[in-house]
Amino acid sequence: MGSTVRSATLPNETQLSTAGSLRWRSWPLVDHPKWSWIVPLGVLLIGLFVDAVGDSWILAIAAIAAMMIAIWSFFLPVTFEITSMGLRRKALRQIRIVLWPTIRAYQLRSTGIALFQRPDPSAFDLASSLFVPYPEDADELVVAVRLYLPHAVELPT
């Protein structure tokens, strides 16, 4: 996804908002307490399985670390903002800006929107796509995406 990554230079940079922007925080570990305990338990069980099969606690710690790195956005809060320029994603003091012209296709899903670089994404393009979870009012995000992406292809679900 063509984007720009930069560090947050101002302490209140996420507080700066333009008129008409939409901002929300996504933190599945905290936002969904009824089922969020399953993911850390699964990571721990995978670590125990690796320890039992590999007979090495070092491999188990490496497996747990690899899983936590792969699903880091589940454990840490991510702030999304929709503006007229594009989508801003802030996590770990890093801001990623995805400009609207770089998005060629999108797919509305049950829990969020997947953004793609190509108008005809393949299964491999899913790895380079960007998933944006819905805010509390999902319709606001859907309207904003359709407003800012008239050039993009809306893929069937």
N, C-alpha and C. Protein backbone atom coordinates (compact mmCIF):
# COMPACT_ATOMS: atom_id res chain seq x y z
N MET A 1 0.86 -1.15 0.00
CA MET A 1 0.00 0.00 0.00
C MET A 1 0.90 1.21 0.00
N GLY A 2 0.75 2.09 -0.94
CA GLY A 2 1.57 3.29 -0.98
C GLY A 2 1.23 4.19 0.18
N SER A 3 2.15 4.41 1.05
CA SER A 3 1.87 5.19 2.24
C SER A 3 3.12 5.89 2.70
N THR A 4 2.92 6.74 3.68
CA THR A 4 4.02 7.46 4.30
C THR A 4 4.02 7.11 5.76
N VAL A 5 5.18 6.78 6.31
CA VAL A 5 5.29 6.48 7.73
C VAL A 5 6.17 7.54 8.35
N ARG A 6 5.71 8.12 9.44
CA ARG A 6 6.52 9.11 10.13
C ARG A 6 6.24 9.02 11.62
N SER A 7 7.16 9.55 12.39
CA SER A 7 6.99 9.56 13.83
C SER A 7 6.12 10.74 14.22
N ALA A 8 5.41 10.57 15.31
CA ALA A 8 4.60 11.67 15.83
C ALA A 8 5.54 12.72 16.42
N THR A 9 5.49 13.91 15.86
CA THR A 9 6.40 14.96 16.32
C THR A 9 5.77 15.82 17.39
N LEU A 10 4.48 15.98 17.32
CA LEU A 10 3.79 16.77 18.34
C LEU A 10 3.15 15.85 19.36
N PRO A 11 3.18 16.22 20.64
CA PRO A 11 2.57 15.33 21.62
C PRO A 11 1.06 15.18 21.42
N ASN A 12 0.42 16.18 20.86
CA ASN A 12 -1.02 16.12 20.69
C ASN A 12 -1.41 15.92 19.23
N GLU A 13 -0.56 15.31 18.45
CA GLU A 13 -0.83 15.20 17.02
C GLU A 13 -2.10 14.43 16.73
N THR A 14 -2.43 13.43 17.53
CA THR A 14 -3.67 12.70 17.28
C THR A 14 -4.88 13.52 17.69
N GLN A 15 -4.69 14.57 18.46
CA GLN A 15 -5.79 15.41 18.86
C GLN A 15 -6.14 16.42 17.77
N LEU A 16 -5.20 16.68 16.85
CA LEU A 16 -5.47 17.61 15.77
C LEU A 16 -6.43 16.96 14.79
N SER A 17 -7.52 17.60 14.52
CA SER A 17 -8.53 17.02 13.66
C SER A 17 -9.08 18.10 12.75
N THR A 18 -9.26 17.74 11.50
CA THR A 18 -9.85 18.68 10.58
C THR A 18 -11.35 18.50 10.55
N ALA A 19 -12.05 19.49 10.06
CA ALA A 19 -13.49 19.40 9.97
C ALA A 19 -13.86 18.26 9.03
N GLY A 20 -14.83 17.47 9.43
CA GLY A 20 -15.29 16.38 8.59
C GLY A 20 -14.47 15.11 8.72
N SER A 21 -13.52 15.05 9.64
CA SER A 21 -12.74 13.82 9.79
C SER A 21 -13.45 12.87 10.75
N LEU A 22 -13.10 11.63 10.64
CA LEU A 22 -13.67 10.58 11.48
C LEU A 22 -12.51 9.89 12.17
N ARG A 23 -12.53 9.82 13.50
CA ARG A 23 -11.43 9.22 14.25
C ARG A 23 -11.99 8.25 15.29
N TRP A 24 -11.30 7.11 15.43
CA TRP A 24 -11.66 6.14 16.45
C TRP A 24 -10.45 5.29 16.82
N ARG A 25 -10.56 4.65 17.97
CA ARG A 25 -9.50 3.78 18.46
C ARG A 25 -9.96 2.34 18.37
N SER A 26 -9.05 1.47 17.95
CA SER A 26 -9.33 0.05 17.88
C SER A 26 -8.33 -0.67 18.78
N TRP A 27 -8.86 -1.38 19.75
CA TRP A 27 -8.03 -2.15 20.68
C TRP A 27 -8.81 -3.40 21.08
N PRO A 28 -8.76 -4.45 20.26
CA PRO A 28 -9.58 -5.63 20.49
C PRO A 28 -9.41 -6.26 21.87
N LEU A 29 -8.21 -6.22 22.42
CA LEU A 29 -7.98 -6.82 23.73
C LEU A 29 -8.84 -6.16 24.81
N VAL A 30 -9.08 -4.86 24.69
CA VAL A 30 -9.85 -4.12 25.68
C VAL A 30 -11.30 -3.94 25.24
N ASP A 31 -11.52 -3.75 23.96
CA ASP A 31 -12.87 -3.46 23.46
C ASP A 31 -13.80 -4.66 23.48
N HIS A 32 -13.28 -5.85 23.45
CA HIS A 32 -14.10 -7.07 23.41
C HIS A 32 -13.70 -8.02 24.53
N PRO A 33 -13.98 -7.65 25.79
CA PRO A 33 -13.50 -8.47 26.91
C PRO A 33 -14.14 -9.85 27.02
N LYS A 34 -15.30 -10.07 26.40
CA LYS A 34 -15.94 -11.38 26.50
C LYS A 34 -15.15 -12.48 25.80
N TRP A 35 -14.51 -12.15 24.68
CA TRP A 35 -13.78 -13.18 23.93
C TRP A 35 -12.31 -12.89 23.74
N SER A 36 -11.84 -11.73 24.15
CA SER A 36 -10.44 -11.37 23.89
C SER A 36 -9.44 -12.22 24.67
N TRP A 37 -9.85 -12.86 25.73
CA TRP A 37 -8.94 -13.71 26.50
C TRP A 37 -8.54 -14.96 25.71
N ILE A 38 -9.29 -15.29 24.66
CA ILE A 38 -9.00 -16.49 23.87
C ILE A 38 -7.67 -16.36 23.12
N VAL A 39 -7.36 -15.16 22.63
CA VAL A 39 -6.14 -14.98 21.85
C VAL A 39 -4.89 -15.16 22.70
N PRO A 40 -4.74 -14.49 23.86
CA PRO A 40 -3.55 -14.75 24.68
C PRO A 40 -3.46 -16.21 25.14
N LEU A 41 -4.61 -16.82 25.42
CA LEU A 41 -4.61 -18.23 25.80
C LEU A 41 -4.13 -19.10 24.64
N GLY A 42 -4.57 -18.78 23.42
CA GLY A 42 -4.12 -19.53 22.24
C GLY A 42 -2.63 -19.39 22.01
N VAL A 43 -2.10 -18.18 22.20
CA VAL A 43 -0.66 -17.96 22.05
C VAL A 43 0.10 -18.79 23.08
N LEU A 44 -0.38 -18.81 24.31
CA LEU A 44 0.26 -19.59 25.36
C LEU A 44 0.19 -21.09 25.05
N LEU A 45 -0.96 -21.55 24.56
CA LEU A 45 -1.09 -22.97 24.21
C LEU A 45 -0.16 -23.36 23.06
N ILE A 46 0.01 -22.48 22.11
CA ILE A 46 0.96 -22.75 21.01
C ILE A 46 2.38 -22.84 21.57
N GLY A 47 2.71 -21.95 22.51
CA GLY A 47 4.02 -22.02 23.15
C GLY A 47 4.22 -23.33 23.91
N LEU A 48 3.19 -23.78 24.62
CA LEU A 48 3.28 -25.06 25.34
C LEU A 48 3.41 -26.23 24.36
N PHE A 49 2.71 -26.16 23.24
CA PHE A 49 2.81 -27.21 22.23
C PHE A 49 4.23 -27.26 21.64
N VAL A 50 4.79 -26.10 21.33
CA VAL A 50 6.15 -26.05 20.79
C VAL A 50 7.14 -26.58 21.82
N ASP A 51 6.90 -26.26 23.10
CA ASP A 51 7.78 -26.77 24.16
C ASP A 51 7.69 -28.30 24.25
N ALA A 52 6.48 -28.82 24.14
CA ALA A 52 6.31 -30.27 24.24
C ALA A 52 6.90 -31.00 23.03
N VAL A 53 6.69 -30.47 21.85
CA VAL A 53 7.16 -31.13 20.64
C VAL A 53 8.66 -30.92 20.45
N GLY A 54 9.11 -29.69 20.66
CA GLY A 54 10.52 -29.38 20.43
C GLY A 54 11.41 -29.64 21.62
N ASP A 55 10.79 -29.87 22.79
CA ASP A 55 11.52 -30.14 24.03
C ASP A 55 12.55 -29.04 24.31
N SER A 56 12.11 -27.77 24.08
CA SER A 56 12.99 -26.65 24.32
C SER A 56 12.16 -25.42 24.70
N TRP A 57 12.42 -24.90 25.89
CA TRP A 57 11.68 -23.72 26.32
C TRP A 57 12.12 -22.48 25.54
N ILE A 58 13.32 -22.50 24.98
CA ILE A 58 13.79 -21.37 24.15
C ILE A 58 12.96 -21.30 22.86
N LEU A 59 12.70 -22.45 22.25
CA LEU A 59 11.85 -22.47 21.06
C LEU A 59 10.43 -22.03 21.39
N ALA A 60 9.94 -22.42 22.57
CA ALA A 60 8.60 -22.02 22.99
C ALA A 60 8.51 -20.51 23.16
N ILE A 61 9.51 -19.91 23.78
CA ILE A 61 9.53 -18.45 23.94
C ILE A 61 9.63 -17.76 22.58
N ALA A 62 10.42 -18.32 21.68
CA ALA A 62 10.54 -17.75 20.33
C ALA A 62 9.20 -17.84 19.59
N ALA A 63 8.50 -18.95 19.74
CA ALA A 63 7.19 -19.11 19.09
C ALA A 63 6.18 -18.12 19.65
N ILE A 64 6.18 -17.94 20.97
CA ILE A 64 5.27 -16.98 21.60
C ILE A 64 5.60 -15.57 21.13
N ALA A 65 6.87 -15.23 21.08
CA ALA A 65 7.29 -13.89 20.63
C ALA A 65 6.89 -13.67 19.17
N ALA A 66 7.08 -14.68 18.33
CA ALA A 66 6.72 -14.55 16.92
C ALA A 66 5.21 -14.35 16.75
N MET A 67 4.42 -15.08 17.51
CA MET A 67 2.97 -14.92 17.44
C MET A 67 2.54 -13.53 17.91
N MET A 68 3.15 -13.05 18.98
CA MET A 68 2.77 -11.74 19.49
C MET A 68 3.17 -10.63 18.53
N ILE A 69 4.29 -10.79 17.85
CA ILE A 69 4.70 -9.80 16.85
C ILE A 69 3.74 -9.83 15.67
N ALA A 70 3.31 -11.03 15.28
CA ALA A 70 2.41 -11.15 14.14
C ALA A 70 1.04 -10.55 14.41
N ILE A 71 0.58 -10.59 15.63
CA ILE A 71 -0.75 -10.06 15.95
C ILE A 71 -0.67 -8.89 16.93
N TRP A 72 0.36 -8.08 16.78
CA TRP A 72 0.60 -6.96 17.69
C TRP A 72 -0.58 -6.01 17.78
N SER A 73 -1.31 -5.80 16.69
CA SER A 73 -2.40 -4.82 16.71
C SER A 73 -3.56 -5.28 17.58
N PHE A 74 -3.58 -6.55 17.95
CA PHE A 74 -4.59 -7.04 18.88
C PHE A 74 -4.27 -6.58 20.31
N PHE A 75 -2.99 -6.53 20.65
CA PHE A 75 -2.57 -6.23 22.00
C PHE A 75 -2.37 -4.74 22.28
N LEU A 76 -2.19 -3.93 21.25
CA LEU A 76 -1.92 -2.50 21.41
C LEU A 76 -3.00 -1.67 20.75
N PRO A 77 -3.29 -0.48 21.29
CA PRO A 77 -4.31 0.37 20.66
C PRO A 77 -3.81 0.99 19.36
N VAL A 78 -4.70 1.05 18.39
CA VAL A 78 -4.42 1.67 17.09
C VAL A 78 -5.49 2.72 16.86
N THR A 79 -5.06 3.93 16.50
CA THR A 79 -6.00 5.01 16.22
C THR A 79 -6.09 5.21 14.72
N PHE A 80 -7.31 5.22 14.20
CA PHE A 80 -7.56 5.45 12.78
C PHE A 80 -8.23 6.80 12.62
N GLU A 81 -7.91 7.48 11.52
CA GLU A 81 -8.56 8.75 11.20
C GLU A 81 -8.77 8.82 9.69
N ILE A 82 -9.99 9.13 9.31
CA ILE A 82 -10.35 9.32 7.91
C ILE A 82 -10.40 10.82 7.66
N THR A 83 -9.59 11.30 6.71
CA THR A 83 -9.59 12.71 6.34
C THR A 83 -9.75 12.81 4.83
N SER A 84 -9.82 14.02 4.33
CA SER A 84 -9.97 14.20 2.89
C SER A 84 -8.72 13.77 2.13
N MET A 85 -7.56 13.76 2.79
CA MET A 85 -6.32 13.31 2.14
C MET A 85 -6.20 11.79 2.07
N GLY A 86 -6.65 11.12 3.11
CA GLY A 86 -6.51 9.67 3.15
C GLY A 86 -6.77 9.12 4.54
N LEU A 87 -6.26 7.95 4.77
CA LEU A 87 -6.43 7.25 6.04
C LEU A 87 -5.15 7.37 6.85
N ARG A 88 -5.29 7.79 8.10
CA ARG A 88 -4.14 7.85 9.01
C ARG A 88 -4.30 6.76 10.05
N ARG A 89 -3.22 6.00 10.27
CA ARG A 89 -3.22 4.96 11.30
C ARG A 89 -2.06 5.23 12.23
N LYS A 90 -2.35 5.43 13.50
CA LYS A 90 -1.30 5.71 14.47
C LYS A 90 -1.22 4.56 15.47
N ALA A 91 0.00 4.02 15.60
CA ALA A 91 0.26 2.95 16.56
C ALA A 91 1.73 3.03 16.95
N LEU A 92 2.00 2.89 18.22
CA LEU A 92 3.37 2.90 18.73
C LEU A 92 4.15 4.13 18.28
N ARG A 93 3.55 5.28 18.37
CA ARG A 93 4.17 6.57 18.02
C ARG A 93 4.55 6.66 16.55
N GLN A 94 4.06 5.77 15.73
CA GLN A 94 4.28 5.81 14.29
C GLN A 94 2.95 6.12 13.61
N ILE A 95 3.00 7.00 12.62
CA ILE A 95 1.80 7.34 11.87
C ILE A 95 2.00 6.88 10.44
N ARG A 96 1.04 6.11 9.95
CA ARG A 96 1.06 5.67 8.55
C ARG A 96 -0.10 6.37 7.85
N ILE A 97 0.22 7.03 6.76
CA ILE A 97 -0.79 7.73 5.97
C ILE A 97 -0.94 7.01 4.64
N VAL A 98 -2.15 6.58 4.35
CA VAL A 98 -2.46 5.95 3.08
C VAL A 98 -3.33 6.93 2.30
N LEU A 99 -2.79 7.43 1.20
CA LEU A 99 -3.52 8.39 0.39
C LEU A 99 -4.62 7.69 -0.41
N TRP A 100 -5.73 8.38 -0.61
CA TRP A 100 -6.85 7.78 -1.32
C TRP A 100 -6.51 7.31 -2.73
N PRO A 101 -5.71 8.06 -3.51
CA PRO A 101 -5.42 7.58 -4.88
C PRO A 101 -4.65 6.25 -4.93
N THR A 102 -3.99 5.86 -3.86
CA THR A 102 -3.23 4.60 -3.87
C THR A 102 -4.12 3.39 -3.65
N ILE A 103 -5.36 3.61 -3.24
CA ILE A 103 -6.29 2.50 -3.00
C ILE A 103 -7.09 2.27 -4.28
N ARG A 104 -6.99 1.07 -4.82
CA ARG A 104 -7.65 0.74 -6.09
C ARG A 104 -8.90 -0.12 -5.90
N ALA A 105 -9.03 -0.78 -4.74
CA ALA A 105 -10.19 -1.62 -4.48
C ALA A 105 -10.40 -1.72 -2.98
N TYR A 106 -11.64 -1.99 -2.61
CA TYR A 106 -11.96 -2.20 -1.19
C TYR A 106 -13.07 -3.23 -1.08
N GLN A 107 -13.11 -3.87 0.07
CA GLN A 107 -14.12 -4.90 0.31
C GLN A 107 -14.72 -4.68 1.68
N LEU A 108 -16.05 -4.53 1.72
CA LEU A 108 -16.76 -4.39 2.98
C LEU A 108 -16.91 -5.77 3.60
N ARG A 109 -16.49 -5.89 4.85
CA ARG A 109 -16.58 -7.17 5.55
C ARG A 109 -17.41 -6.98 6.80
N SER A 110 -17.65 -8.05 7.53
CA SER A 110 -18.54 -7.97 8.69
C SER A 110 -17.94 -7.16 9.84
N THR A 111 -16.61 -7.12 9.96
CA THR A 111 -15.98 -6.40 11.08
C THR A 111 -15.17 -5.19 10.64
N GLY A 112 -15.05 -4.96 9.33
CA GLY A 112 -14.28 -3.81 8.87
C GLY A 112 -14.16 -3.80 7.35
N ILE A 113 -13.24 -2.98 6.86
CA ILE A 113 -13.04 -2.82 5.43
C ILE A 113 -11.60 -3.18 5.07
N ALA A 114 -11.43 -3.98 4.04
CA ALA A 114 -10.10 -4.32 3.53
C ALA A 114 -9.80 -3.41 2.34
N LEU A 115 -8.64 -2.76 2.36
CA LEU A 115 -8.22 -1.84 1.30
C LEU A 115 -7.08 -2.49 0.50
N PHE A 116 -7.19 -2.45 -0.82
CA PHE A 116 -6.21 -3.11 -1.68
C PHE A 116 -5.55 -2.12 -2.63
N GLN A 117 -4.34 -2.43 -3.06
CA GLN A 117 -3.59 -1.60 -4.01
C GLN A 117 -3.99 -1.86 -5.45
N ARG A 118 -4.48 -3.04 -5.74
CA ARG A 118 -4.82 -3.40 -7.11
C ARG A 118 -6.33 -3.52 -7.26
N PRO A 119 -6.87 -3.20 -8.45
CA PRO A 119 -8.32 -3.31 -8.64
C PRO A 119 -8.81 -4.75 -8.71
N ASP A 120 -7.90 -5.69 -8.99
CA ASP A 120 -8.27 -7.11 -9.05
C ASP A 120 -7.35 -7.91 -8.12
N PRO A 121 -7.51 -7.76 -6.81
CA PRO A 121 -6.57 -8.41 -5.88
C PRO A 121 -6.69 -9.93 -5.91
N SER A 122 -5.54 -10.56 -5.75
CA SER A 122 -5.49 -12.02 -5.65
C SER A 122 -5.35 -12.40 -4.18
N ALA A 123 -5.24 -13.67 -3.92
CA ALA A 123 -5.09 -14.13 -2.53
C ALA A 123 -3.78 -13.61 -1.93
N PHE A 124 -2.76 -13.42 -2.77
CA PHE A 124 -1.48 -12.92 -2.27
C PHE A 124 -1.56 -11.45 -1.88
N ASP A 125 -2.47 -10.69 -2.50
CA ASP A 125 -2.61 -9.27 -2.18
C ASP A 125 -3.20 -9.04 -0.79
N LEU A 126 -3.79 -10.06 -0.22
CA LEU A 126 -4.34 -9.92 1.12
C LEU A 126 -3.24 -9.62 2.13
N ALA A 127 -2.04 -10.13 1.90
CA ALA A 127 -0.91 -9.89 2.81
C ALA A 127 -0.47 -8.43 2.79
N SER A 128 -0.62 -7.75 1.67
CA SER A 128 -0.20 -6.35 1.59
C SER A 128 -1.37 -5.39 1.71
N SER A 129 -2.55 -5.91 1.98
CA SER A 129 -3.71 -5.04 2.14
C SER A 129 -3.73 -4.41 3.52
N LEU A 130 -4.63 -3.49 3.71
CA LEU A 130 -4.80 -2.84 5.00
C LEU A 130 -6.22 -3.08 5.47
N PHE A 131 -6.38 -3.63 6.66
CA PHE A 131 -7.70 -3.87 7.22
C PHE A 131 -8.02 -2.75 8.20
N VAL A 132 -9.18 -2.14 8.03
CA VAL A 132 -9.62 -1.04 8.89
C VAL A 132 -10.88 -1.51 9.61
N PRO A 133 -10.81 -1.73 10.93
CA PRO A 133 -12.00 -2.18 11.65
C PRO A 133 -13.03 -1.05 11.74
N TYR A 134 -14.28 -1.43 11.83
CA TYR A 134 -15.35 -0.43 11.92
C TYR A 134 -15.30 0.30 13.26
N PRO A 135 -15.65 1.61 13.25
CA PRO A 135 -15.86 2.31 14.52
C PRO A 135 -17.21 1.89 15.08
N GLU A 136 -17.65 2.55 16.15
CA GLU A 136 -18.94 2.17 16.74
C GLU A 136 -20.08 2.32 15.74
N ASP A 137 -20.05 3.38 14.94
CA ASP A 137 -21.05 3.57 13.89
C ASP A 137 -20.41 3.19 12.56
N ALA A 138 -20.62 1.95 12.14
CA ALA A 138 -19.97 1.44 10.94
C ALA A 138 -20.42 2.18 9.68
N ASP A 139 -21.66 2.68 9.69
CA ASP A 139 -22.17 3.38 8.50
C ASP A 139 -21.36 4.63 8.17
N GLU A 140 -20.83 5.32 9.18
CA GLU A 140 -20.01 6.50 8.93
C GLU A 140 -18.77 6.16 8.12
N LEU A 141 -18.13 5.05 8.46
CA LEU A 141 -16.93 4.64 7.72
C LEU A 141 -17.28 4.21 6.30
N VAL A 142 -18.36 3.48 6.14
CA VAL A 142 -18.78 3.03 4.81
C VAL A 142 -19.09 4.24 3.92
N VAL A 143 -19.80 5.23 4.46
CA VAL A 143 -20.12 6.43 3.69
C VAL A 143 -18.85 7.19 3.33
N ALA A 144 -17.92 7.32 4.28
CA ALA A 144 -16.67 8.04 4.02
C ALA A 144 -15.84 7.33 2.96
N VAL A 145 -15.74 6.02 3.02
CA VAL A 145 -14.95 5.27 2.04
C VAL A 145 -15.57 5.40 0.65
N ARG A 146 -16.88 5.30 0.57
CA ARG A 146 -17.54 5.44 -0.74
C ARG A 146 -17.42 6.86 -1.27
N LEU A 147 -17.39 7.84 -0.38
CA LEU A 147 -17.22 9.24 -0.79
C LEU A 147 -15.82 9.50 -1.34
N TYR A 148 -14.80 9.01 -0.63
CA TYR A 148 -13.41 9.30 -1.00
C TYR A 148 -12.83 8.32 -2.02
N LEU A 149 -13.51 7.22 -2.27
CA LEU A 149 -12.99 6.23 -3.23
C LEU A 149 -13.95 5.97 -4.39
N PRO A 150 -14.37 7.02 -5.11
CA PRO A 150 -15.24 6.76 -6.26
C PRO A 150 -14.48 6.06 -7.40
N HIS A 151 -13.16 6.19 -7.40
CA HIS A 151 -12.32 5.58 -8.44
C HIS A 151 -12.02 4.11 -8.15
N ALA A 152 -12.27 3.67 -6.93
CA ALA A 152 -11.90 2.31 -6.53
C ALA A 152 -13.05 1.33 -6.80
N VAL A 153 -12.67 0.09 -6.97
CA VAL A 153 -13.64 -0.98 -7.22
C VAL A 153 -14.11 -1.53 -5.88
N GLU A 154 -15.44 -1.61 -5.70
CA GLU A 154 -15.97 -2.24 -4.48
C GLU A 154 -16.14 -3.73 -4.78
N LEU A 155 -15.36 -4.54 -4.10
CA LEU A 155 -15.37 -5.98 -4.33
C LEU A 155 -16.53 -6.62 -3.59
N PRO A 156 -17.13 -7.66 -4.14
CA PRO A 156 -18.20 -8.35 -3.43
C PRO A 156 -17.63 -9.10 -2.22
N THR A 157 -18.47 -9.31 -1.24
CA THR A 157 -18.02 -10.01 -0.02
C THR A 157 -18.04 -11.50 -0.19
